[in-house]
Amino acid sequence: MSQRDHSGFGRGRQFCRGVGLGADHVIGDIKENVAERIQSVDLVFDLVGGNVLSRSFAIVRRGGIVVFAVVEPNPALAEEREAQARRLSSKPDGRLLARIADLIDPGNIQVTISKVYAMDDVAAADQRLEAGHSRGKLALRLD
């Protein structure tokens, strides 16, 4: 892509645009064949997994990178596109967490909470998470 383009992927068009996620345009829904509209991107971040992850390799350029967070892709998909598949992960870092807290406290970063569950309702929270019907974070109340 010749220009810098931030895209959101999923059902939440207003959510991706309106809550500070920075999406300039949103790609339909997870059933859409994005390869019909987008091709040869340098980098794909897949946070969904499954078929969406498989289709991510169809839009990455040869030698590009697909970053995944949910499930590891079939290595043959990366080999076919001569692409790299990299896992998104992080290590605990107290100094970084303190810097993030310094940004959150004055309101510079806003976290959208979709729903707060009591610990007794953790199964319901897990079901909602698995169903993918959450726009924002699910939180557990520890009291």
C-alpha atoms as a PDB file:
ATOM      1  CA  MET A   1       0.000   0.000   0.000  1.00  0.00           C
ATOM      2  CA  SER A   2       1.388   3.395  -0.911  1.00  0.00           C
ATOM      3  CA  GLN A   3      -0.370   5.224   1.894  1.00  0.00           C
ATOM      4  CA  ARG A   4      -0.663   4.489   5.548  1.00  0.00           C
ATOM      5  CA  ASP A   5      -4.097   2.977   6.123  1.00  0.00           C
ATOM      6  CA  HIS A   6      -5.531   1.864   9.428  1.00  0.00           C
ATOM      7  CA  SER A   7      -8.302  -0.672   9.047  1.00  0.00           C
ATOM      8  CA  GLY A   8     -10.626  -2.336  11.479  1.00  0.00           C
ATOM      9  CA  PHE A   9     -12.102  -5.728  10.761  1.00  0.00           C
ATOM     10  CA  GLY A  10     -15.395  -6.899  12.138  1.00  0.00           C
ATOM     11  CA  ARG A  11     -19.008  -6.077  12.791  1.00  0.00           C
ATOM     12  CA  GLY A  12     -18.380  -2.949  14.869  1.00  0.00           C
ATOM     13  CA  ARG A  13     -17.958  -0.198  12.280  1.00  0.00           C
ATOM     14  CA  GLN A  14     -18.905   2.629  14.661  1.00  0.00           C
ATOM     15  CA  PHE A  15     -16.901   0.991  17.426  1.00  0.00           C
ATOM     16  CA  CYS A  16     -13.748   0.837  15.307  1.00  0.00           C
ATOM     17  CA  ARG A  17     -14.129   4.431  14.144  1.00  0.00           C
ATOM     18  CA  GLY A  18     -15.691   6.137  17.125  1.00  0.00           C
ATOM     19  CA  VAL A  19     -13.891   4.900  20.224  1.00  0.00           C
ATOM     20  CA  GLY A  20     -10.398   5.940  19.314  1.00  0.00           C
ATOM     21  CA  LEU A  21      -9.249   2.733  17.655  1.00  0.00           C
ATOM     22  CA  GLY A  22      -8.026   4.741  14.686  1.00  0.00           C
ATOM     23  CA  ALA A  23      -9.689   2.813  11.861  1.00  0.00           C
ATOM     24  CA  ASP A  24      -9.940   4.873   8.679  1.00  0.00           C
ATOM     25  CA  HIS A  25     -12.103   2.223   7.065  1.00  0.00           C
ATOM     26  CA  VAL A  26     -13.617  -1.015   8.265  1.00  0.00           C
ATOM     27  CA  ILE A  27     -13.765  -4.246   6.311  1.00  0.00           C
ATOM     28  CA  GLY A  28     -17.342  -5.601   6.348  1.00  0.00           C
ATOM     29  CA  ASP A  29     -17.619  -8.648   8.538  1.00  0.00           C
ATOM     30  CA  ILE A  30     -15.661 -11.823   9.115  1.00  0.00           C
ATOM     31  CA  LYS A  31     -17.521 -13.564   6.282  1.00  0.00           C
ATOM     32  CA  GLU A  32     -16.422 -11.024   3.672  1.00  0.00           C
ATOM     33  CA  ASN A  33     -13.805 -12.126   1.153  1.00  0.00           C
ATOM     34  CA  VAL A  34     -11.391  -9.244   1.721  1.00  0.00           C
ATOM     35  CA  ALA A  35      -9.054 -10.520  -1.020  1.00  0.00           C
ATOM     36  CA  GLU A  36     -11.538  -9.132  -3.549  1.00  0.00           C
ATOM     37  CA  ARG A  37     -10.811  -5.579  -2.325  1.00  0.00           C
ATOM     38  CA  ILE A  38      -7.425  -5.677  -0.640  1.00  0.00           C
ATOM     39  CA  GLN A  39      -4.244  -7.269  -1.925  1.00  0.00           C
ATOM     40  CA  SER A  40      -0.524  -7.168  -1.360  1.00  0.00           C
ATOM     41  CA  VAL A  41      -0.354  -5.583   2.086  1.00  0.00           C
ATOM     42  CA  ASP A  42       2.896  -5.692   4.017  1.00  0.00           C
ATOM     43  CA  LEU A  43       1.453  -6.683   7.371  1.00  0.00           C
ATOM     44  CA  VAL A  44      -1.752  -8.253   8.677  1.00  0.00           C
ATOM     45  CA  PHE A  45      -2.693  -8.370  12.360  1.00  0.00           C
ATOM     46  CA  ASP A  46      -5.186 -11.172  12.893  1.00  0.00           C
ATOM     47  CA  LEU A  47      -6.931 -11.111  16.255  1.00  0.00           C
ATOM     48  CA  VAL A  48      -9.795 -13.416  15.234  1.00  0.00           C
ATOM     49  CA  GLY A  49      -8.255 -16.711  14.122  1.00  0.00           C
ATOM     50  CA  GLY A  50      -9.937 -19.539  12.234  1.00  0.00           C
ATOM     51  CA  ASN A  51     -11.038 -18.774   8.669  1.00  0.00           C
ATOM     52  CA  VAL A  52     -10.120 -15.108   9.065  1.00  0.00           C
ATOM     53  CA  LEU A  53      -6.522 -16.091   9.785  1.00  0.00           C
ATOM     54  CA  SER A  54      -6.460 -18.386   6.761  1.00  0.00           C
ATOM     55  CA  ARG A  55      -7.792 -15.604   4.539  1.00  0.00           C
ATOM     56  CA  SER A  56      -5.202 -13.182   5.954  1.00  0.00           C
ATOM     57  CA  PHE A  57      -2.532 -14.973   3.939  1.00  0.00           C
ATOM     58  CA  ALA A  58      -4.458 -14.258   0.732  1.00  0.00           C
ATOM     59  CA  ILE A  59      -4.017 -10.498   1.176  1.00  0.00           C
ATOM     60  CA  VAL A  60      -0.446 -10.321   2.474  1.00  0.00           C
ATOM     61  CA  ARG A  61       2.216  -9.706  -0.182  1.00  0.00           C
ATOM     62  CA  ARG A  62       4.882 -12.284  -0.900  1.00  0.00           C
ATOM     63  CA  GLY A  63       7.441 -11.910   1.866  1.00  0.00           C
ATOM     64  CA  GLY A  64       4.935 -10.055   4.075  1.00  0.00           C
ATOM     65  CA  ILE A  65       4.098 -10.758   7.701  1.00  0.00           C
ATOM     66  CA  VAL A  66       0.951 -12.132   9.326  1.00  0.00           C
ATOM     67  CA  VAL A  67       0.823 -11.577  13.079  1.00  0.00           C
ATOM     68  CA  PHE A  68      -1.585 -13.879  14.897  1.00  0.00           C
ATOM     69  CA  ALA A  69      -2.849 -13.817  18.458  1.00  0.00           C
ATOM     70  CA  VAL A  70      -5.439 -16.578  18.707  1.00  0.00           C
ATOM     71  CA  VAL A  71      -4.326 -19.784  17.016  1.00  0.00           C
ATOM     72  CA  GLU A  72      -1.230 -20.732  15.074  1.00  0.00           C
ATOM     73  CA  PRO A  73      -1.823 -20.902  11.311  1.00  0.00           C
ATOM     74  CA  ASN A  74      -1.174 -23.848   9.066  1.00  0.00           C
ATOM     75  CA  PRO A  75       2.548 -23.489   8.129  1.00  0.00           C
ATOM     76  CA  ALA A  76       1.710 -24.339   4.508  1.00  0.00           C
ATOM     77  CA  LEU A  77      -0.214 -21.051   4.189  1.00  0.00           C
ATOM     78  CA  ALA A  78       2.857 -19.028   5.122  1.00  0.00           C
ATOM     79  CA  GLU A  79       5.131 -21.111   2.905  1.00  0.00           C
ATOM     80  CA  GLU A  80       2.815 -20.714  -0.081  1.00  0.00           C
ATOM     81  CA  ARG A  81       2.959 -16.900   0.232  1.00  0.00           C
ATOM     82  CA  GLU A  82       6.616 -16.897   1.280  1.00  0.00           C
ATOM     83  CA  ALA A  83       5.318 -14.951   4.270  1.00  0.00           C
ATOM     84  CA  GLN A  84       6.317 -14.900   7.891  1.00  0.00           C
ATOM     85  CA  ALA A  85       3.834 -15.943  10.556  1.00  0.00           C
ATOM     86  CA  ARG A  86       4.568 -14.405  13.948  1.00  0.00           C
ATOM     87  CA  ARG A  87       2.808 -14.857  17.267  1.00  0.00           C
ATOM     88  CA  LEU A  88       1.713 -11.738  19.117  1.00  0.00           C
ATOM     89  CA  SER A  89       2.802 -12.141  22.704  1.00  0.00           C
ATOM     90  CA  SER A  90       4.096 -10.093  25.578  1.00  0.00           C
ATOM     91  CA  LYS A  91       6.152 -10.518  28.695  1.00  0.00           C
ATOM     92  CA  PRO A  92       5.234  -9.002  32.069  1.00  0.00           C
ATOM     93  CA  ASP A  93       7.020  -5.680  32.480  1.00  0.00           C
ATOM     94  CA  GLY A  94       6.295  -3.606  35.584  1.00  0.00           C
ATOM     95  CA  ARG A  95       7.841  -0.395  34.206  1.00  0.00           C
ATOM     96  CA  LEU A  96       5.793  -0.636  31.015  1.00  0.00           C
ATOM     97  CA  LEU A  97       2.607  -1.300  32.973  1.00  0.00           C
ATOM     98  CA  ALA A  98       3.353   1.777  35.136  1.00  0.00           C
ATOM     99  CA  ARG A  99       3.772   3.902  31.962  1.00  0.00           C
ATOM    100  CA  ILE A 100       0.480   2.563  30.602  1.00  0.00           C
ATOM    101  CA  ALA A 101      -1.229   3.395  33.924  1.00  0.00           C
ATOM    102  CA  ASP A 102       0.172   6.936  33.688  1.00  0.00           C
ATOM    103  CA  LEU A 103      -1.579   7.291  30.306  1.00  0.00           C
ATOM    104  CA  ILE A 104      -4.847   5.723  31.433  1.00  0.00           C
ATOM    105  CA  ASP A 105      -5.241   7.673  34.684  1.00  0.00           C
ATOM    106  CA  PRO A 106      -5.600  11.145  33.109  1.00  0.00           C
ATOM    107  CA  GLY A 107      -7.848   9.740  30.362  1.00  0.00           C
ATOM    108  CA  ASN A 108      -5.341   9.737  27.487  1.00  0.00           C
ATOM    109  CA  ILE A 109      -6.205   6.104  26.767  1.00  0.00           C
ATOM    110  CA  GLN A 110      -9.776   4.954  27.112  1.00  0.00           C
ATOM    111  CA  VAL A 111     -10.701   1.314  27.654  1.00  0.00           C
ATOM    112  CA  THR A 112     -14.194   0.348  26.565  1.00  0.00           C
ATOM    113  CA  ILE A 113     -15.808  -2.064  29.029  1.00  0.00           C
ATOM    114  CA  SER A 114     -18.576  -4.037  27.341  1.00  0.00           C
ATOM    115  CA  LYS A 115     -19.857  -5.728  30.506  1.00  0.00           C
ATOM    116  CA  VAL A 116     -18.781  -6.376  34.087  1.00  0.00           C
ATOM    117  CA  TYR A 117     -19.449  -9.842  35.524  1.00  0.00           C
ATOM    118  CA  ALA A 118     -19.421 -11.056  39.116  1.00  0.00           C
ATOM    119  CA  MET A 119     -17.002 -13.910  39.797  1.00  0.00           C
ATOM    120  CA  ASP A 120     -20.022 -16.209  40.159  1.00  0.00           C
ATOM    121  CA  ASP A 121     -20.863 -15.449  36.499  1.00  0.00           C
ATOM    122  CA  VAL A 122     -17.447 -16.272  35.045  1.00  0.00           C
ATOM    123  CA  ALA A 123     -18.993 -19.059  32.925  1.00  0.00           C
ATOM    124  CA  ALA A 124     -21.396 -16.558  31.317  1.00  0.00           C
ATOM    125  CA  ALA A 125     -18.487 -14.201  30.627  1.00  0.00           C
ATOM    126  CA  ASP A 126     -16.552 -17.033  29.011  1.00  0.00           C
ATOM    127  CA  GLN A 127     -19.543 -17.974  26.840  1.00  0.00           C
ATOM    128  CA  ARG A 128     -19.937 -14.368  25.674  1.00  0.00           C
ATOM    129  CA  LEU A 129     -16.235 -14.168  24.908  1.00  0.00           C
ATOM    130  CA  GLU A 130     -16.326 -17.422  22.920  1.00  0.00           C
ATOM    131  CA  ALA A 131     -19.431 -16.293  21.014  1.00  0.00           C
ATOM    132  CA  GLY A 132     -17.647 -13.138  19.913  1.00  0.00           C
ATOM    133  CA  HIS A 133     -20.523 -10.808  20.813  1.00  0.00           C
ATOM    134  CA  SER A 134     -18.439  -8.345  22.781  1.00  0.00           C
ATOM    135  CA  ARG A 135     -17.490  -4.861  21.653  1.00  0.00           C
ATOM    136  CA  GLY A 136     -14.943  -3.898  24.231  1.00  0.00           C
ATOM    137  CA  LYS A 137     -13.460  -5.672  27.200  1.00  0.00           C
ATOM    138  CA  LEU A 138     -15.267  -8.045  29.500  1.00  0.00           C
ATOM    139  CA  ALA A 139     -14.333  -7.520  33.147  1.00  0.00           C
ATOM    140  CA  LEU A 140     -14.680  -9.587  36.301  1.00  0.00           C
ATOM    141  CA  ARG A 141     -15.580  -7.852  39.569  1.00  0.00           C
ATOM    142  CA  LEU A 142     -13.431  -9.199  42.411  1.00  0.00           C
ATOM    143  CA  ASP A 143     -15.524  -8.546  45.542  1.00  0.00           C
END
